[in-house]
Structure formats: C-alpha cells, structure tokens
C-alpha cells in the first residue's frame, strides 16, 4: 500500500490525537522521575561530604598510629654524643655551626650556648583549629653559670617544676607561658647536666584566640593533649650515645 504523507486521513487524525493527549502526560511523568533522581543524587553527595568514608577513617587511624610508633620515625644522629627521633613530616634544622646564641634555652641565665637541633610542627598538624605552630629545640652550654643554674627551679616565668627521668637521664621539667596580641605561647623545658654541659630540650606551643576570627571560619579549639603527647614522645627518644 502506498502511503500518501501529505494527505489527511482518519488514521493520521487518530495518531495526532493520541500524540496530543499522551505526550504531555508522558513528559510530566518522566520530568517528575528525573527530579526525584536528581534529589536522591544530591542527598547522596551531601551525605558523602558530611559522613567520613571508611577510607578517611582508616587514614586518620593510620596517622595516629604513626605518631605513636617512635620506631618508624627518623633518628637524628648528626650531633655528637646524643640522638633524638621525630616524625618524618616535621621540618628539621640541624644547626652544626660553632656560632653561639643566647636563646639556646628559654632561660639562658645570661649565657650563650649552641642550639644544635630545631624541629618545626606546622599548622597543618591540626588544621581548622586555633593551633598556629610549635617548635622543639635541643640546646647546650658549657658556660659556668649555665652549668651552675641548669637544675635550678628559679627559671624566670616558670609556673611549675618537676623532676623526671627519661632513658635513665634525670631532668628538671619546667613550664612557662606568655600571651600577647591574641596569641598564646606555652613552653616546656627539660634540662639536665651531662659531661660538664647543661642540656635543654624544649618545646613551645603557639596558639591564637578563636574569638579573634570571624564565625564563618568555623575554627575549633586545637587538641592540646594530642600535640603535647607527640612532643613529649619526641623528648622521650632523647638519649646520650
């Protein structure tokens, strides 16, 4: 049968009527289904952003385990007579020059000495918090006054003192704090005498006032216990060779 496309027939009218009635309903139906599908996809995406994945949880757990496993850390043995270990992701500066400085210890007793080791803990150790940075140093001095006052509890600005033993070494532990312009500094010092010199292993934690930041920054207080535990664990690896 030859079909005449330009001729109006009863079946062409019927087909046009069917398309006229059915197409709007079909379009409406599939439009609704598409909207529902889009909403479900948006909900899934939102949930994935707000809920930690098993991979991110595992990564966080592995990170915590690394900071607790000192055997996996780097050991600095560049300084004659002693060594100390630290996490690989912290920045290290070995000062091997013979130049002396008056900040080899938080209280140098007006003396000079050598700052032989410096470790920097970056802000990204605790992101989205008021943690700014932290620094750990190892200094020593053979100055007569430094040796005399090394284990004296009269450290300027200190708020507490305690005797402690690390790897068989007797230390005097002292803490002090300072604040200014919305910044807070807390220093912990471990001092001991060895081979006629005063050794000072010290770290300073620098944080800022959360109230100084706009609320939209959504900063949280940093986990001081977590940071202090890592720093004390680093100090705990110090030993004389």
Protein backbone atom coordinates (compact mmCIF):
# COMPACT_ATOMS: atom_id res chain seq x y z
CA UNK A 1 0.00 0.00 0.00
CA UNK A 2 1.28 3.38 -0.98
CA UNK A 3 1.25 5.92 1.85
CA UNK A 4 0.42 9.48 0.92
CA UNK A 5 2.15 11.59 3.59
CA UNK A 6 0.61 14.87 2.52
CA UNK A 7 -2.95 13.55 2.62
CA UNK A 8 -5.12 13.84 5.75
CA UNK A 9 -6.74 10.51 6.60
CA UNK A 10 -8.73 9.13 9.51
CA UNK A 11 -5.71 7.25 10.92
CA UNK A 12 -3.48 10.34 10.70
CA UNK A 13 -6.08 12.24 12.70
CA UNK A 14 -6.21 9.43 15.25
CA UNK A 15 -2.41 9.38 15.56
CA UNK A 16 -2.29 13.14 16.03
CA UNK A 17 -4.98 12.94 18.71
CA UNK A 18 -3.10 10.21 20.57
CA UNK A 19 0.16 12.17 20.45
CA UNK A 20 -1.64 15.32 21.59
CA UNK A 21 -3.09 13.56 24.64
CA UNK A 22 -0.27 11.17 25.59
CA UNK A 23 2.84 13.29 25.12
CA UNK A 24 2.08 15.91 27.83
CA UNK A 25 1.34 13.20 30.41
CA UNK A 26 4.48 11.26 29.45
CA UNK A 27 6.58 14.40 29.67
CA UNK A 28 5.15 15.25 33.08
CA UNK A 29 5.77 11.72 34.38
CA UNK A 30 9.34 11.50 33.25
CA UNK A 31 10.02 15.05 34.44
CA UNK A 32 8.89 14.13 37.94
CA UNK A 33 11.03 10.98 37.91
CA UNK A 34 14.04 12.99 36.76
CA UNK A 35 13.54 15.49 39.59
CA UNK A 36 13.34 12.69 42.15
CA UNK A 37 16.52 11.12 40.77
CA UNK A 38 18.33 14.46 40.96
CA UNK A 39 17.27 14.96 44.58
CA UNK A 40 18.44 11.48 45.53
CA UNK A 41 21.81 12.14 43.90
CA UNK A 42 22.10 15.45 45.78
CA UNK A 43 21.28 13.72 49.08
CA UNK A 44 23.87 11.03 48.48
CA UNK A 45 26.51 13.64 47.63
CA UNK A 46 25.66 15.64 50.73
CA UNK A 47 25.85 12.55 52.93
CA UNK A 48 29.21 11.59 51.45
CA UNK A 49 30.58 15.03 52.29
CA UNK A 50 29.26 15.06 55.85
CA UNK A 51 29.97 11.45 56.73
CA UNK A 52 33.61 10.27 56.84
CA UNK A 53 34.26 7.40 54.48
CA UNK A 54 35.88 4.20 55.67
CA UNK A 55 38.99 5.23 53.72
CA UNK A 56 39.28 8.58 55.52
CA UNK A 57 38.70 6.93 58.89
CA UNK A 58 41.40 4.37 58.14
CA UNK A 59 43.78 7.15 57.07
CA UNK A 60 43.15 9.03 60.32
CA UNK A 61 43.72 5.88 62.35
CA UNK A 62 46.95 5.12 60.48
CA UNK A 63 48.14 8.69 61.06
CA UNK A 64 47.53 8.43 64.81
CA UNK A 65 49.28 5.07 64.89
CA UNK A 66 52.32 6.57 63.14
CA UNK A 67 52.69 9.36 65.70
CA UNK A 68 52.59 6.75 68.44
CA UNK A 69 55.15 4.42 66.82
CA UNK A 70 58.53 6.02 67.50
CA UNK A 71 60.33 3.09 65.87
CA UNK A 72 59.01 4.32 62.50
CA UNK A 73 60.40 7.83 62.97
CA UNK A 74 63.60 9.39 61.67
CA UNK A 75 66.51 9.41 64.13
CA UNK A 76 68.83 12.42 64.08
CA UNK A 77 72.35 11.32 64.94
CA UNK A 78 74.21 14.22 63.38
CA UNK A 79 75.10 15.69 66.74
CA UNK A 80 77.99 14.05 68.50
CA UNK A 81 77.13 12.41 71.80
CA UNK A 82 73.34 12.27 71.61
CA UNK A 83 70.39 11.42 69.38
CA UNK A 84 66.68 12.18 69.09
CA UNK A 85 63.87 10.79 66.88
CA UNK A 86 60.99 12.66 65.24
CA UNK A 87 58.13 12.15 62.73
CA UNK A 88 59.22 12.45 59.10
CA UNK A 89 56.58 15.05 58.22
CA UNK A 90 58.04 17.62 60.63
CA UNK A 91 60.63 20.10 59.38
CA UNK A 92 64.13 19.78 60.87
CA UNK A 93 67.03 22.20 61.04
CA UNK A 94 70.37 20.90 62.29
CA UNK A 95 72.50 23.82 63.37
CA UNK A 96 76.00 22.43 63.26
CA UNK A 97 77.87 25.72 63.17
CA UNK A 98 80.07 26.77 66.07
CA UNK A 99 78.20 30.07 66.39
CA UNK A 100 76.80 30.59 69.87
CA UNK A 101 73.46 32.16 70.72
CA UNK A 102 71.77 33.49 73.83
CA UNK A 103 68.49 31.66 73.08
CA UNK A 104 69.87 28.13 73.36
CA UNK A 105 67.41 27.74 76.27
CA UNK A 106 64.21 29.54 77.31
CA UNK A 107 66.20 30.84 80.27
CA UNK A 108 69.87 31.03 79.32
CA UNK A 109 70.84 32.67 82.63
CA UNK A 110 72.55 35.43 80.67
CA UNK A 111 74.86 32.93 78.98
CA UNK A 112 75.45 31.72 75.44
CA UNK A 113 75.39 28.21 74.03
CA UNK A 114 74.65 26.16 70.93
CA UNK A 115 71.17 25.47 69.56
CA UNK A 116 72.01 22.19 67.88
CA UNK A 117 68.57 20.95 66.80
CA UNK A 118 65.31 22.63 65.80
CA UNK A 119 62.07 20.90 64.84
CA UNK A 120 59.03 22.73 63.43
CA UNK A 121 55.48 21.38 63.70
CA UNK A 122 53.32 23.15 61.09
CA UNK A 123 49.78 24.45 61.46
CA UNK A 124 48.52 21.62 59.23
CA UNK A 125 49.19 19.18 62.07
CA UNK A 126 45.83 20.38 63.41
CA UNK A 127 44.04 22.19 60.55
CA UNK A 128 40.87 24.23 61.02
CA UNK A 129 41.81 24.94 64.64
CA UNK A 130 43.41 27.82 66.55
CA UNK A 131 46.76 25.98 66.55
CA UNK A 132 49.42 28.19 64.93
CA UNK A 133 52.66 26.21 65.15
CA UNK A 134 55.07 24.54 67.57
CA UNK A 135 58.83 24.34 67.83
CA UNK A 136 61.11 21.88 69.63
CA UNK A 137 64.80 22.60 70.19
CA UNK A 138 67.85 20.99 71.75
CA UNK A 139 70.45 23.40 73.12
CA UNK A 140 73.53 23.06 75.28
CA UNK A 141 76.05 25.27 77.03
CA UNK A 142 79.25 24.70 78.96
CA UNK A 143 79.24 28.19 80.45
CA UNK A 144 79.98 28.08 84.18
CA UNK A 145 76.78 29.99 85.05
CA UNK A 146 74.66 27.79 82.79
CA UNK A 147 76.05 24.67 84.44
CA UNK A 148 75.53 26.11 87.92
CA UNK A 149 71.91 27.14 87.31
CA UNK A 150 70.96 24.29 84.97
CA UNK A 151 68.85 22.39 87.51
CA UNK A 152 67.76 25.43 89.47
CA UNK A 153 63.96 25.87 89.80
CA UNK A 154 64.41 29.63 89.53
CA UNK A 155 63.60 29.74 85.82
CA UNK A 156 62.08 33.13 85.03
CA UNK A 157 58.39 32.94 84.20
CA UNK A 158 58.04 29.26 85.05
CA UNK A 159 54.83 28.17 86.72
CA UNK A 160 55.65 24.57 87.64
CA UNK A 161 58.63 22.32 88.25
CA UNK A 162 59.04 18.58 88.48
CA UNK A 163 61.85 16.03 88.46
CA UNK A 164 61.55 13.35 85.79
CA UNK A 165 63.69 10.58 84.31
CA UNK A 166 63.96 9.84 80.58
CA UNK A 167 66.05 6.91 79.31
CA UNK A 168 67.88 6.84 82.62
CA UNK A 169 68.63 10.58 82.49
CA UNK A 170 67.46 12.82 85.33
CA UNK A 171 65.80 16.02 84.11
CA UNK A 172 64.23 19.06 85.72
CA UNK A 173 60.98 19.79 83.88
CA UNK A 174 59.73 23.39 83.94
CA UNK A 175 56.77 25.04 82.21
CA UNK A 176 56.05 28.68 81.47
CA UNK A 177 53.53 30.67 79.46
CA UNK A 178 53.21 34.03 77.78
CA UNK A 179 50.42 35.86 75.97
CA UNK A 180 50.00 38.96 73.85
CA UNK A 181 48.04 40.38 70.90
CA UNK A 182 45.67 37.42 70.80
CA UNK A 183 48.48 34.85 70.80
CA UNK A 184 49.34 32.34 73.49
CA UNK A 185 52.70 30.62 74.00
CA UNK A 186 53.36 27.73 76.34
CA UNK A 187 56.89 26.39 76.77
CA UNK A 188 58.01 23.16 78.39
CA UNK A 189 61.70 22.76 79.22
CA UNK A 190 63.63 19.61 80.13
CA UNK A 191 67.12 20.39 81.49
CA UNK A 192 69.93 18.08 82.57
CA UNK A 193 73.68 18.08 83.19
CA UNK A 194 75.96 15.85 81.14
CA UNK A 195 79.71 15.83 80.55
CA UNK A 196 80.11 19.28 82.08
CA UNK A 197 77.38 20.92 80.00
CA UNK A 198 73.77 21.97 80.56
CA UNK A 199 71.37 20.45 78.02
CA UNK A 200 67.94 21.95 77.41
CA UNK A 201 65.28 20.10 75.39
CA UNK A 202 62.36 22.48 74.98
CA UNK A 203 59.19 22.96 73.01
CA UNK A 204 56.87 25.93 72.60
CA UNK A 205 53.23 25.62 71.50
CA UNK A 206 51.81 28.69 69.80
CA UNK A 207 48.04 29.12 69.53
CA UNK A 208 45.66 32.03 68.96
CA UNK A 209 42.36 33.24 70.37
CA UNK A 210 39.43 31.74 68.46
CA UNK A 211 37.38 34.83 69.28
CA UNK A 212 39.65 36.87 67.02
CA UNK A 213 38.39 35.02 63.92
CA UNK A 214 35.05 35.52 62.14
CA UNK A 215 32.46 32.81 62.94
CA UNK A 216 32.36 31.75 59.29
CA UNK A 217 35.91 30.41 59.66
CA UNK A 218 34.39 27.65 61.81
CA UNK A 219 37.62 27.09 63.75
CA UNK A 220 37.69 24.58 66.59
CA UNK A 221 39.94 24.56 69.67
CA UNK A 222 43.06 22.56 68.92
CA UNK A 223 43.66 19.24 70.66
CA UNK A 224 46.40 20.24 73.09
CA UNK A 225 46.64 16.75 74.57
CA UNK A 226 47.26 15.17 71.16
CA UNK A 227 50.01 17.68 70.33
CA UNK A 228 51.65 17.52 73.76
CA UNK A 229 51.67 13.72 73.66
CA UNK A 230 53.59 13.77 70.36
CA UNK A 231 56.05 16.39 71.61
CA UNK A 232 56.69 14.52 74.87
CA UNK A 233 57.12 11.32 72.87
CA UNK A 234 59.83 13.06 70.83
CA UNK A 235 61.53 14.22 74.03
CA UNK A 236 61.27 10.63 75.28
CA UNK A 237 63.51 9.43 72.43
CA UNK A 238 66.41 11.66 73.51
CA UNK A 239 69.43 9.78 74.76
CA UNK A 240 73.16 10.18 75.15
CA UNK A 241 75.27 7.90 72.99
